[in-house]
Amino acid sequence: MPRWTRASIALSSNWERQRAVLNSTPVSAARVRPPSTTELSGVGSRFPRIHLIESVLQPSRTIAPGFQTFAVTLKGGRVLTGVRVAEADDMLTLADAQGNKHLLRKSRIEDQQPQAVSVMPEGLEKPLSVDEFVDLIAFLSSLKSDRSR
């Protein structure tokens, strides 16, 4: 079992340290959050702690429904990659890894292909100490809202 996993299961965290990690330079809240601000709502209720740990350490291993990344090819050849965050009869909103939302007319979409790679960046844990990683997992586990995507 990797040290990050062991530590996240065995060690405790506190709110002040969690807040400090989320506000720190290497792991800002923007880097922790998926593209849509509502996507993490209730993540602590929907997934066990071990799944959250694995999702941060290996984001593309198992991509949960609603977090699937798509490559969208527009007429003219431009390709955008991101997570579908809203869809209507004639419009699609795609959020990319930088948090930008792209409002696309479906009539301009040539192709949409699901991707095997998560929009969450690999190596998110690398700049963190073990305690900071534990705090990050504790923060994600604390998101118990009942709102869903």
N, C-alpha and C. Protein backbone atom coordinates (compact mmCIF):
# COMPACT_ATOMS: atom_id res chain seq x y z
N MET A 1 0.85 -1.17 0.00
CA MET A 1 0.00 0.00 0.00
C MET A 1 0.90 1.24 0.00
N PRO A 2 0.70 2.17 -0.95
CA PRO A 2 1.54 3.37 -1.02
C PRO A 2 1.45 4.21 0.26
N ARG A 3 2.52 4.94 0.55
CA ARG A 3 2.56 5.73 1.78
C ARG A 3 1.45 6.76 1.83
N TRP A 4 1.04 7.32 0.67
CA TRP A 4 -0.04 8.31 0.66
C TRP A 4 -1.34 7.67 1.15
N THR A 5 -1.60 6.45 0.69
CA THR A 5 -2.82 5.75 1.07
C THR A 5 -2.79 5.40 2.55
N ARG A 6 -1.68 4.81 3.00
CA ARG A 6 -1.55 4.45 4.43
C ARG A 6 -1.75 5.68 5.31
N ALA A 7 -1.11 6.77 4.96
CA ALA A 7 -1.20 7.99 5.77
C ALA A 7 -2.62 8.53 5.79
N SER A 8 -3.30 8.54 4.64
CA SER A 8 -4.65 9.09 4.57
C SER A 8 -5.66 8.28 5.36
N ILE A 9 -5.36 7.00 5.53
CA ILE A 9 -6.25 6.15 6.32
C ILE A 9 -5.91 6.25 7.80
N ALA A 10 -4.63 6.34 8.12
CA ALA A 10 -4.19 6.27 9.52
C ALA A 10 -4.12 7.61 10.24
N LEU A 11 -3.75 8.68 9.54
CA LEU A 11 -3.52 9.96 10.21
C LEU A 11 -4.77 10.81 10.25
N SER A 12 -4.82 11.72 11.21
CA SER A 12 -5.97 12.62 11.32
C SER A 12 -5.62 13.99 10.74
N SER A 13 -6.64 14.78 10.52
CA SER A 13 -6.50 16.10 9.93
C SER A 13 -7.31 17.08 10.76
N ASN A 14 -7.14 18.37 10.47
CA ASN A 14 -8.01 19.37 11.09
C ASN A 14 -8.34 20.45 10.07
N TRP A 15 -9.42 21.18 10.33
CA TRP A 15 -9.95 22.15 9.38
C TRP A 15 -8.93 23.24 9.05
N GLU A 16 -8.21 23.75 10.02
CA GLU A 16 -7.24 24.82 9.76
C GLU A 16 -6.15 24.36 8.80
N ARG A 17 -5.65 23.16 8.99
CA ARG A 17 -4.63 22.64 8.07
C ARG A 17 -5.21 22.39 6.68
N GLN A 18 -6.44 21.90 6.63
CA GLN A 18 -7.08 21.69 5.33
C GLN A 18 -7.19 23.00 4.57
N ARG A 19 -7.65 24.03 5.27
CA ARG A 19 -7.79 25.35 4.64
C ARG A 19 -6.45 25.88 4.16
N ALA A 20 -5.42 25.70 4.95
CA ALA A 20 -4.08 26.15 4.57
C ALA A 20 -3.60 25.44 3.30
N VAL A 21 -3.86 24.12 3.20
CA VAL A 21 -3.46 23.37 2.01
C VAL A 21 -4.21 23.90 0.79
N LEU A 22 -5.51 24.12 0.94
CA LEU A 22 -6.30 24.56 -0.19
C LEU A 22 -5.94 25.97 -0.64
N ASN A 23 -5.39 26.77 0.24
CA ASN A 23 -5.00 28.14 -0.11
C ASN A 23 -3.52 28.26 -0.46
N SER A 24 -2.79 27.17 -0.38
CA SER A 24 -1.35 27.23 -0.65
C SER A 24 -1.08 27.32 -2.14
N THR A 25 0.10 27.76 -2.49
CA THR A 25 0.47 27.91 -3.89
C THR A 25 0.43 26.61 -4.66
N PRO A 26 1.03 25.50 -4.17
CA PRO A 26 1.02 24.29 -4.99
C PRO A 26 -0.36 23.69 -5.20
N VAL A 27 -1.25 23.85 -4.24
CA VAL A 27 -2.57 23.25 -4.36
C VAL A 27 -3.62 24.30 -4.03
N SER A 28 -3.92 25.12 -4.99
CA SER A 28 -4.98 26.11 -4.79
C SER A 28 -6.32 25.40 -4.96
N ALA A 29 -7.37 26.01 -4.48
CA ALA A 29 -8.70 25.41 -4.62
C ALA A 29 -9.04 25.22 -6.09
N ALA A 30 -8.54 26.08 -6.96
CA ALA A 30 -8.82 25.94 -8.39
C ALA A 30 -8.21 24.66 -8.96
N ARG A 31 -7.02 24.27 -8.47
CA ARG A 31 -6.41 23.04 -8.96
C ARG A 31 -7.09 21.81 -8.38
N VAL A 32 -7.63 21.94 -7.19
CA VAL A 32 -8.29 20.80 -6.56
C VAL A 32 -9.67 20.58 -7.17
N ARG A 33 -10.38 21.66 -7.47
CA ARG A 33 -11.72 21.55 -8.01
C ARG A 33 -11.72 21.10 -9.45
N PRO A 34 -12.64 20.19 -9.81
CA PRO A 34 -12.84 19.91 -11.21
C PRO A 34 -13.39 21.16 -11.90
N PRO A 35 -13.51 21.16 -13.22
CA PRO A 35 -13.94 22.35 -13.94
C PRO A 35 -15.25 22.98 -13.48
N SER A 36 -16.24 22.19 -13.14
CA SER A 36 -17.49 22.76 -12.68
C SER A 36 -17.46 22.89 -11.17
N THR A 37 -17.93 24.01 -10.65
CA THR A 37 -17.88 24.23 -9.21
C THR A 37 -18.81 23.30 -8.45
N THR A 38 -19.77 22.66 -9.11
CA THR A 38 -20.70 21.77 -8.41
C THR A 38 -20.25 20.32 -8.43
N GLU A 39 -19.23 19.97 -9.18
CA GLU A 39 -18.87 18.57 -9.34
C GLU A 39 -18.40 17.89 -8.05
N LEU A 40 -17.81 18.64 -7.13
CA LEU A 40 -17.35 18.01 -5.90
C LEU A 40 -18.43 17.97 -4.83
N SER A 41 -19.55 18.61 -5.08
CA SER A 41 -20.63 18.62 -4.11
C SER A 41 -21.05 17.19 -3.77
N GLY A 42 -20.94 16.82 -2.50
CA GLY A 42 -21.37 15.51 -2.05
C GLY A 42 -20.40 14.38 -2.33
N VAL A 43 -19.18 14.70 -2.82
CA VAL A 43 -18.23 13.65 -3.17
C VAL A 43 -17.89 12.78 -1.96
N GLY A 44 -17.88 13.36 -0.77
CA GLY A 44 -17.59 12.60 0.44
C GLY A 44 -18.69 11.62 0.80
N SER A 45 -19.92 11.88 0.34
CA SER A 45 -21.04 10.97 0.56
C SER A 45 -21.11 9.89 -0.51
N ARG A 46 -20.70 10.24 -1.72
CA ARG A 46 -20.84 9.31 -2.85
C ARG A 46 -19.73 8.30 -2.97
N PHE A 47 -18.53 8.63 -2.44
CA PHE A 47 -17.39 7.75 -2.62
C PHE A 47 -16.70 7.47 -1.29
N PRO A 48 -16.28 6.23 -1.08
CA PRO A 48 -15.52 5.92 0.14
C PRO A 48 -14.15 6.60 0.08
N ARG A 49 -13.56 6.79 1.23
CA ARG A 49 -12.26 7.47 1.35
C ARG A 49 -11.19 6.84 0.45
N ILE A 50 -11.16 5.51 0.37
CA ILE A 50 -10.14 4.85 -0.44
C ILE A 50 -10.32 5.20 -1.92
N HIS A 51 -11.54 5.38 -2.38
CA HIS A 51 -11.78 5.78 -3.77
C HIS A 51 -11.28 7.20 -4.01
N LEU A 52 -11.48 8.09 -3.05
CA LEU A 52 -10.99 9.47 -3.17
C LEU A 52 -9.47 9.49 -3.26
N ILE A 53 -8.84 8.68 -2.42
CA ILE A 53 -7.37 8.59 -2.42
C ILE A 53 -6.88 8.11 -3.79
N GLU A 54 -7.47 7.03 -4.27
CA GLU A 54 -7.08 6.47 -5.57
C GLU A 54 -7.36 7.46 -6.70
N SER A 55 -8.44 8.21 -6.60
CA SER A 55 -8.79 9.17 -7.65
C SER A 55 -7.79 10.30 -7.76
N VAL A 56 -7.20 10.70 -6.63
CA VAL A 56 -6.18 11.74 -6.66
C VAL A 56 -4.85 11.16 -7.14
N LEU A 57 -4.50 9.97 -6.65
CA LEU A 57 -3.22 9.37 -7.01
C LEU A 57 -3.20 8.85 -8.46
N GLN A 58 -4.32 8.33 -8.91
CA GLN A 58 -4.41 7.77 -10.27
C GLN A 58 -5.73 8.23 -10.91
N PRO A 59 -5.81 9.49 -11.32
CA PRO A 59 -7.09 10.05 -11.75
C PRO A 59 -7.73 9.35 -12.96
N SER A 60 -6.95 8.72 -13.79
CA SER A 60 -7.53 8.07 -14.98
C SER A 60 -7.84 6.59 -14.77
N ARG A 61 -7.53 6.06 -13.60
CA ARG A 61 -7.75 4.63 -13.33
C ARG A 61 -9.22 4.26 -13.44
N THR A 62 -10.07 4.98 -12.72
CA THR A 62 -11.50 4.79 -12.76
C THR A 62 -12.14 6.17 -12.79
N ILE A 63 -12.83 6.48 -13.86
CA ILE A 63 -13.46 7.79 -13.99
C ILE A 63 -14.93 7.64 -13.66
N ALA A 64 -15.37 8.32 -12.61
CA ALA A 64 -16.75 8.22 -12.15
C ALA A 64 -17.70 8.83 -13.18
N PRO A 65 -18.93 8.31 -13.25
CA PRO A 65 -19.93 8.90 -14.14
C PRO A 65 -20.07 10.40 -13.86
N GLY A 66 -20.17 11.18 -14.91
CA GLY A 66 -20.27 12.62 -14.78
C GLY A 66 -18.93 13.33 -14.80
N PHE A 67 -17.84 12.56 -14.69
CA PHE A 67 -16.50 13.13 -14.73
C PHE A 67 -15.77 12.72 -16.01
N GLN A 68 -16.47 12.05 -16.93
CA GLN A 68 -15.88 11.58 -18.18
C GLN A 68 -15.40 12.76 -19.02
N THR A 69 -14.20 12.65 -19.55
CA THR A 69 -13.63 13.68 -20.42
C THR A 69 -13.99 13.35 -21.87
N PHE A 70 -14.31 14.40 -22.64
CA PHE A 70 -14.65 14.25 -24.05
C PHE A 70 -13.77 15.14 -24.90
N ALA A 71 -13.40 14.66 -26.06
CA ALA A 71 -12.76 15.49 -27.08
C ALA A 71 -13.86 15.86 -28.06
N VAL A 72 -14.11 17.16 -28.20
CA VAL A 72 -15.16 17.65 -29.07
C VAL A 72 -14.50 18.34 -30.26
N THR A 73 -14.77 17.83 -31.45
CA THR A 73 -14.23 18.41 -32.67
C THR A 73 -15.30 19.30 -33.29
N LEU A 74 -14.93 20.55 -33.50
CA LEU A 74 -15.85 21.51 -34.10
C LEU A 74 -15.65 21.54 -35.61
N LYS A 75 -16.66 21.98 -36.33
CA LYS A 75 -16.51 22.18 -37.77
C LYS A 75 -15.40 23.19 -37.95
N GLY A 76 -14.49 22.92 -38.83
CA GLY A 76 -13.32 23.78 -38.99
C GLY A 76 -12.08 23.15 -38.39
N GLY A 77 -12.28 22.05 -37.59
CA GLY A 77 -11.14 21.29 -37.08
C GLY A 77 -10.68 21.60 -35.67
N ARG A 78 -11.17 22.65 -35.04
CA ARG A 78 -10.77 22.97 -33.67
C ARG A 78 -11.25 21.87 -32.73
N VAL A 79 -10.38 21.42 -31.82
CA VAL A 79 -10.72 20.36 -30.86
C VAL A 79 -10.63 20.93 -29.46
N LEU A 80 -11.69 20.73 -28.68
CA LEU A 80 -11.73 21.12 -27.27
C LEU A 80 -11.88 19.86 -26.44
N THR A 81 -11.20 19.82 -25.31
CA THR A 81 -11.28 18.66 -24.43
C THR A 81 -11.74 19.11 -23.06
N GLY A 82 -12.69 18.38 -22.48
CA GLY A 82 -13.18 18.72 -21.16
C GLY A 82 -14.34 17.84 -20.74
N VAL A 83 -14.97 18.25 -19.66
CA VAL A 83 -16.10 17.54 -19.07
C VAL A 83 -17.38 18.26 -19.45
N ARG A 84 -18.39 17.50 -19.86
CA ARG A 84 -19.71 18.11 -20.13
C ARG A 84 -20.31 18.55 -18.80
N VAL A 85 -20.63 19.83 -18.69
CA VAL A 85 -21.21 20.31 -17.44
C VAL A 85 -22.66 20.75 -17.60
N ALA A 86 -23.09 20.96 -18.85
CA ALA A 86 -24.49 21.29 -19.11
C ALA A 86 -24.79 20.94 -20.56
N GLU A 87 -26.04 20.56 -20.79
CA GLU A 87 -26.44 20.23 -22.15
C GLU A 87 -27.91 20.54 -22.34
N ALA A 88 -28.22 21.19 -23.45
CA ALA A 88 -29.60 21.49 -23.84
C ALA A 88 -29.79 20.97 -25.26
N ASP A 89 -30.97 21.15 -25.80
CA ASP A 89 -31.25 20.64 -27.14
C ASP A 89 -30.25 21.14 -28.17
N ASP A 90 -29.87 22.41 -28.09
CA ASP A 90 -29.02 22.99 -29.13
C ASP A 90 -27.65 23.45 -28.63
N MET A 91 -27.36 23.29 -27.33
CA MET A 91 -26.11 23.79 -26.76
C MET A 91 -25.46 22.72 -25.87
N LEU A 92 -24.13 22.80 -25.81
CA LEU A 92 -23.34 21.94 -24.93
C LEU A 92 -22.33 22.84 -24.23
N THR A 93 -22.21 22.70 -22.91
CA THR A 93 -21.19 23.43 -22.17
C THR A 93 -20.13 22.44 -21.74
N LEU A 94 -18.90 22.72 -22.15
CA LEU A 94 -17.75 21.88 -21.87
C LEU A 94 -16.81 22.66 -20.98
N ALA A 95 -16.35 22.06 -19.88
CA ALA A 95 -15.39 22.71 -18.98
C ALA A 95 -14.05 22.03 -19.15
N ASP A 96 -13.01 22.83 -19.41
CA ASP A 96 -11.69 22.25 -19.64
C ASP A 96 -10.89 22.15 -18.34
N ALA A 97 -9.68 21.62 -18.43
CA ALA A 97 -8.84 21.38 -17.25
C ALA A 97 -8.42 22.67 -16.56
N GLN A 98 -8.45 23.80 -17.27
CA GLN A 98 -8.09 25.08 -16.68
C GLN A 98 -9.27 25.77 -16.01
N GLY A 99 -10.45 25.14 -16.08
CA GLY A 99 -11.64 25.71 -15.46
C GLY A 99 -12.42 26.62 -16.39
N ASN A 100 -12.01 26.74 -17.64
CA ASN A 100 -12.74 27.55 -18.62
C ASN A 100 -13.95 26.78 -19.12
N LYS A 101 -15.06 27.49 -19.25
CA LYS A 101 -16.27 26.87 -19.79
C LYS A 101 -16.46 27.33 -21.22
N HIS A 102 -16.76 26.37 -22.08
CA HIS A 102 -16.97 26.65 -23.50
C HIS A 102 -18.41 26.33 -23.84
N LEU A 103 -19.16 27.34 -24.25
CA LEU A 103 -20.56 27.19 -24.65
C LEU A 103 -20.56 26.93 -26.15
N LEU A 104 -20.98 25.73 -26.54
CA LEU A 104 -20.88 25.30 -27.94
C LEU A 104 -22.25 25.03 -28.53
N ARG A 105 -22.50 25.56 -29.71
CA ARG A 105 -23.72 25.23 -30.44
C ARG A 105 -23.55 23.82 -31.02
N LYS A 106 -24.52 22.97 -30.78
CA LYS A 106 -24.41 21.59 -31.26
C LYS A 106 -24.31 21.53 -32.79
N SER A 107 -24.88 22.50 -33.46
CA SER A 107 -24.81 22.52 -34.92
C SER A 107 -23.38 22.74 -35.42
N ARG A 108 -22.48 23.24 -34.55
CA ARG A 108 -21.08 23.45 -34.92
C ARG A 108 -20.19 22.27 -34.53
N ILE A 109 -20.77 21.28 -33.82
CA ILE A 109 -20.00 20.11 -33.38
C ILE A 109 -20.00 19.05 -34.47
N GLU A 110 -18.80 18.64 -34.84
CA GLU A 110 -18.64 17.61 -35.86
C GLU A 110 -18.58 16.22 -35.24
N ASP A 111 -17.90 16.11 -34.06
CA ASP A 111 -17.70 14.81 -33.44
C ASP A 111 -17.45 14.98 -31.94
N GLN A 112 -17.86 13.98 -31.17
CA GLN A 112 -17.57 13.92 -29.73
C GLN A 112 -17.07 12.53 -29.41
N GLN A 113 -15.90 12.44 -28.78
CA GLN A 113 -15.33 11.14 -28.44
C GLN A 113 -14.96 11.10 -26.96
N PRO A 114 -15.45 10.09 -26.21
CA PRO A 114 -15.02 9.94 -24.82
C PRO A 114 -13.52 9.63 -24.76
N GLN A 115 -12.86 10.14 -23.75
CA GLN A 115 -11.42 9.96 -23.59
C GLN A 115 -11.14 9.07 -22.38
N ALA A 116 -10.05 8.34 -22.44
CA ALA A 116 -9.67 7.45 -21.34
C ALA A 116 -8.87 8.17 -20.26
N VAL A 117 -8.55 9.44 -20.49
CA VAL A 117 -7.74 10.21 -19.54
C VAL A 117 -8.63 11.20 -18.81
N SER A 118 -8.49 11.26 -17.50
CA SER A 118 -9.26 12.18 -16.67
C SER A 118 -8.81 13.62 -16.89
N VAL A 119 -9.76 14.55 -16.71
CA VAL A 119 -9.42 15.97 -16.78
C VAL A 119 -8.62 16.39 -15.54
N MET A 120 -8.72 15.61 -14.45
CA MET A 120 -7.91 15.90 -13.26
C MET A 120 -6.45 15.62 -13.58
N PRO A 121 -5.57 16.57 -13.29
CA PRO A 121 -4.17 16.37 -13.66
C PRO A 121 -3.49 15.25 -12.87
N GLU A 122 -2.60 14.55 -13.53
CA GLU A 122 -1.75 13.56 -12.87
C GLU A 122 -0.76 14.29 -11.97
N GLY A 123 -0.34 13.66 -10.89
CA GLY A 123 0.72 14.22 -10.05
C GLY A 123 0.28 15.33 -9.12
N LEU A 124 -1.02 15.44 -8.87
CA LEU A 124 -1.52 16.49 -7.97
C LEU A 124 -0.88 16.38 -6.59
N GLU A 125 -0.53 15.17 -6.19
CA GLU A 125 0.04 14.95 -4.85
C GLU A 125 1.54 15.29 -4.77
N LYS A 126 2.21 15.37 -5.88
CA LYS A 126 3.67 15.52 -5.88
C LYS A 126 4.20 16.71 -5.08
N PRO A 127 3.58 17.90 -5.17
CA PRO A 127 4.13 19.02 -4.39
C PRO A 127 3.72 19.00 -2.91
N LEU A 128 2.93 18.01 -2.50
CA LEU A 128 2.39 17.97 -1.15
C LEU A 128 3.24 17.13 -0.22
N SER A 129 3.28 17.54 1.03
CA SER A 129 3.84 16.68 2.07
C SER A 129 2.79 15.62 2.39
N VAL A 130 3.15 14.61 3.15
CA VAL A 130 2.19 13.58 3.54
C VAL A 130 1.04 14.20 4.33
N ASP A 131 1.34 15.10 5.26
CA ASP A 131 0.29 15.76 6.04
C ASP A 131 -0.65 16.57 5.15
N GLU A 132 -0.11 17.25 4.15
CA GLU A 132 -0.95 18.03 3.24
C GLU A 132 -1.85 17.12 2.42
N PHE A 133 -1.33 15.98 2.00
CA PHE A 133 -2.14 15.02 1.26
C PHE A 133 -3.27 14.50 2.15
N VAL A 134 -2.95 14.18 3.39
CA VAL A 134 -3.97 13.72 4.34
C VAL A 134 -5.05 14.79 4.48
N ASP A 135 -4.64 16.07 4.57
CA ASP A 135 -5.60 17.17 4.70
C ASP A 135 -6.47 17.29 3.45
N LEU A 136 -5.89 17.12 2.28
CA LEU A 136 -6.65 17.19 1.04
C LEU A 136 -7.72 16.09 1.01
N ILE A 137 -7.34 14.87 1.35
CA ILE A 137 -8.31 13.76 1.36
C ILE A 137 -9.38 14.00 2.43
N ALA A 138 -9.00 14.52 3.58
CA ALA A 138 -9.98 14.83 4.63
C ALA A 138 -10.97 15.89 4.14
N PHE A 139 -10.46 16.90 3.42
CA PHE A 139 -11.34 17.92 2.86
C PHE A 139 -12.34 17.30 1.89
N LEU A 140 -11.85 16.50 0.97
CA LEU A 140 -12.75 15.86 -0.01
C LEU A 140 -13.77 14.97 0.69
N SER A 141 -13.33 14.24 1.71
CA SER A 141 -14.23 13.36 2.47
C SER A 141 -15.29 14.14 3.22
N SER A 142 -14.98 15.40 3.55
CA SER A 142 -15.93 16.22 4.33
C SER A 142 -17.04 16.80 3.47
N LEU A 143 -16.92 16.72 2.16
CA LEU A 143 -17.94 17.30 1.27
C LEU A 143 -19.13 16.35 1.19
N LYS A 144 -20.06 16.53 2.13
CA LYS A 144 -21.16 15.59 2.28
C LYS A 144 -22.50 16.12 1.79
N SER A 145 -22.52 17.21 1.07
CA SER A 145 -23.75 17.80 0.58
C SER A 145 -24.53 16.77 -0.23
N ASP A 146 -25.85 16.89 -0.21
CA ASP A 146 -26.69 15.96 -0.97
C ASP A 146 -26.91 16.40 -2.40
N ARG A 147 -26.43 17.61 -2.75
CA ARG A 147 -26.59 18.06 -4.14
C ARG A 147 -25.85 17.11 -5.05
N SER A 148 -26.39 16.89 -6.21
CA SER A 148 -25.71 16.04 -7.19
C SER A 148 -25.66 16.78 -8.50
N ARG A 149 -24.84 16.25 -9.38
CA ARG A 149 -24.68 16.87 -10.69
C ARG A 149 -25.97 16.94 -11.45
